[in-house]
Amino acid sequence: MSRPHETDLRSHDQPPFTHEREADRLVTIASAASEVEANLLVTQLTEGGFEAVCFPGGHAALPLGARRFRIPVQVRARDEEGARIYLKEMAVDDIDWDSVDVGEREDDLPLGEPGRMPVPAIIAATVAGLLLLMGFIGALLLMFF
């Protein structure tokens, strides 16, 4: 006789791991640097007829320096090949900017090259640097004498 808290796994009606379950598992087909990019990929895949998901926000509690990983965009395993092909077809990497009409400028500001720093600003920066250096040396002298 089994105890009340024990479960006999063989008595369940579901098979342990079938081909259907394998086809329904999520696989990563792309990754995004931000939540916006991940959601755009999900939207693009959904419009193409694929059921896609991403799980952004999991790193929100981490400090900014720890947010170096990318956000996975996932589809069902049975849709993996088609979704990858669809994303490759939809990718627009090569834009011929010579054929793109960007319009006319709306301002009348002169197009000049960035100028040099004015002489008074150079003198002020030099004096500030020397004062910082003298303060550091003075602090060291006060600590040891």
Protein backbone atom coordinates (compact mmCIF):
# COMPACT_ATOMS: atom_id res chain seq x y z
CA MET A 1 0.00 0.00 0.00
CA SER A 2 1.38 3.42 -0.91
CA ARG A 3 1.62 6.28 1.47
CA PRO A 4 -0.64 9.32 0.94
CA HIS A 5 2.21 11.59 -0.18
CA GLU A 6 3.84 9.17 -2.58
CA THR A 7 2.95 9.24 -6.26
CA ASP A 8 3.25 6.37 -8.67
CA LEU A 9 4.51 7.96 -11.88
CA ARG A 10 3.46 4.93 -13.94
CA SER A 11 -0.20 5.51 -13.15
CA HIS A 12 -0.44 8.76 -15.13
CA ASP A 13 -2.05 8.68 -18.56
CA GLN A 14 0.55 10.90 -20.23
CA PRO A 15 3.51 9.29 -21.95
CA PRO A 16 6.85 10.37 -20.46
CA PHE A 17 8.31 12.22 -23.47
CA THR A 18 6.80 11.89 -26.93
CA HIS A 19 7.55 13.27 -30.35
CA GLU A 20 4.66 15.73 -29.92
CA ARG A 21 6.26 17.16 -26.80
CA GLU A 22 9.58 17.44 -28.61
CA ALA A 23 7.91 19.43 -31.42
CA ASP A 24 6.26 21.76 -28.89
CA ARG A 25 9.41 22.66 -26.98
CA LEU A 26 10.75 26.18 -27.40
CA VAL A 27 13.97 26.76 -29.33
CA THR A 28 15.91 29.98 -29.65
CA ILE A 29 16.20 31.20 -33.23
CA ALA A 30 17.47 34.72 -32.59
CA SER A 31 18.62 36.97 -29.79
CA ALA A 32 18.18 40.67 -29.25
CA ALA A 33 20.19 43.29 -27.40
CA SER A 34 17.11 44.98 -25.94
CA GLU A 35 13.49 44.33 -25.09
CA VAL A 36 12.39 46.60 -27.93
CA GLU A 37 14.40 44.65 -30.49
CA ALA A 38 13.17 41.31 -29.09
CA ASN A 39 9.53 42.44 -29.24
CA LEU A 40 10.02 43.67 -32.81
CA LEU A 41 11.33 40.24 -33.82
CA VAL A 42 8.38 38.54 -32.10
CA THR A 43 5.96 40.86 -33.92
CA GLN A 44 7.68 40.20 -37.23
CA LEU A 45 7.50 36.43 -36.72
CA THR A 46 3.86 36.60 -35.60
CA GLU A 47 2.96 38.56 -38.74
CA GLY A 48 4.69 35.81 -40.74
CA GLY A 49 2.43 33.18 -39.18
CA PHE A 50 4.80 31.84 -36.53
CA GLU A 51 4.02 31.62 -32.83
CA ALA A 52 6.99 33.40 -31.23
CA VAL A 53 7.80 34.51 -27.70
CA CYS A 54 10.50 36.33 -25.81
CA PHE A 55 10.97 36.64 -22.09
CA PRO A 56 12.35 40.13 -21.48
CA GLY A 57 12.68 41.69 -18.08
CA GLY A 58 14.41 38.80 -16.38
CA HIS A 59 17.54 40.89 -15.99
CA ALA A 60 15.77 44.04 -14.76
CA ALA A 61 16.88 43.49 -11.15
CA LEU A 62 20.53 43.09 -12.12
CA PRO A 63 22.93 46.03 -11.96
CA LEU A 64 23.61 47.75 -15.25
CA GLY A 65 27.04 46.14 -15.61
CA ALA A 66 25.55 42.66 -15.38
CA ARG A 67 23.09 43.20 -18.26
CA ARG A 68 25.44 41.94 -20.91
CA PHE A 69 23.46 38.99 -22.15
CA ARG A 70 20.96 39.07 -24.99
CA ILE A 71 17.23 38.33 -24.89
CA PRO A 72 16.31 35.08 -26.68
CA VAL A 73 13.48 35.00 -29.23
CA GLN A 74 11.92 31.54 -29.33
CA VAL A 75 9.53 29.51 -31.49
CA ARG A 76 8.24 25.93 -31.32
CA ALA A 77 10.75 23.32 -32.50
CA ARG A 78 8.42 22.27 -35.33
CA ASP A 79 8.52 25.86 -36.71
CA GLU A 80 12.26 26.45 -36.24
CA GLU A 81 13.44 25.95 -39.82
CA GLY A 82 10.63 27.99 -41.38
CA ALA A 83 11.03 30.81 -38.87
CA ARG A 84 14.78 31.02 -39.47
CA ILE A 85 14.22 31.19 -43.23
CA TYR A 86 11.51 33.82 -42.75
CA LEU A 87 13.79 36.01 -40.62
CA LYS A 88 16.60 35.75 -43.19
CA GLU A 89 14.22 36.78 -45.97
CA MET A 90 12.90 39.71 -43.93
CA ALA A 91 16.35 40.98 -42.92
CA VAL A 92 17.31 44.22 -44.61
CA ASP A 93 21.05 44.49 -44.25
CA ASP A 94 22.07 46.10 -47.49
CA ILE A 95 20.56 49.52 -48.09
CA ASP A 96 21.73 51.35 -51.18
CA TRP A 97 21.79 54.87 -49.73
CA ASP A 98 22.54 56.32 -53.19
CA SER A 99 19.04 55.31 -54.28
CA VAL A 100 17.30 56.63 -51.12
CA ASP A 101 15.86 60.14 -51.31
CA VAL A 102 16.49 61.69 -47.91
CA GLY A 103 14.98 65.04 -48.89
CA GLU A 104 16.31 68.56 -48.56
CA ARG A 105 17.76 70.20 -45.47
CA GLU A 106 15.22 72.10 -43.41
CA ASP A 107 17.67 74.47 -41.73
CA ASP A 108 20.02 77.08 -43.11
CA LEU A 109 22.88 76.56 -40.70
CA PRO A 110 26.34 76.46 -42.25
CA LEU A 111 27.96 73.09 -42.69
CA GLY A 112 31.31 73.75 -41.08
CA GLU A 113 33.95 71.50 -39.70
CA PRO A 114 34.31 71.43 -35.94
CA GLY A 115 36.65 74.21 -34.88
CA ARG A 116 39.56 74.17 -32.52
CA MET A 117 39.22 74.94 -28.86
CA PRO A 118 39.58 78.69 -28.24
CA VAL A 119 42.89 79.84 -26.73
CA PRO A 120 41.30 81.11 -23.45
CA ALA A 121 39.67 77.69 -22.95
CA ILE A 122 43.03 75.95 -23.49
CA ILE A 123 44.66 78.25 -20.92
CA ALA A 124 41.83 77.66 -18.40
CA ALA A 125 42.05 73.88 -18.82
CA THR A 126 45.83 73.98 -18.34
CA VAL A 127 45.55 76.11 -15.19
CA ALA A 128 42.83 73.82 -13.78
CA GLY A 129 44.99 70.77 -14.43
CA LEU A 130 48.00 72.35 -12.75
CA LEU A 131 45.90 73.35 -9.71
CA LEU A 132 44.63 69.78 -9.37
CA LEU A 133 48.16 68.43 -9.61
CA MET A 134 49.44 70.93 -7.02
CA GLY A 135 46.54 70.03 -4.70
CA PHE A 136 47.35 66.34 -5.01
CA ILE A 137 51.05 66.94 -4.30
CA GLY A 138 50.15 69.19 -1.35
CA ALA A 139 47.86 66.53 0.11
CA LEU A 140 50.64 63.93 -0.16
CA LEU A 141 53.10 66.26 1.57
CA LEU A 142 50.64 66.92 4.40
CA MET A 143 50.12 63.19 4.91
CA PHE A 144 53.82 62.40 5.28
CA PHE A 145 55.13 65.52 7.06
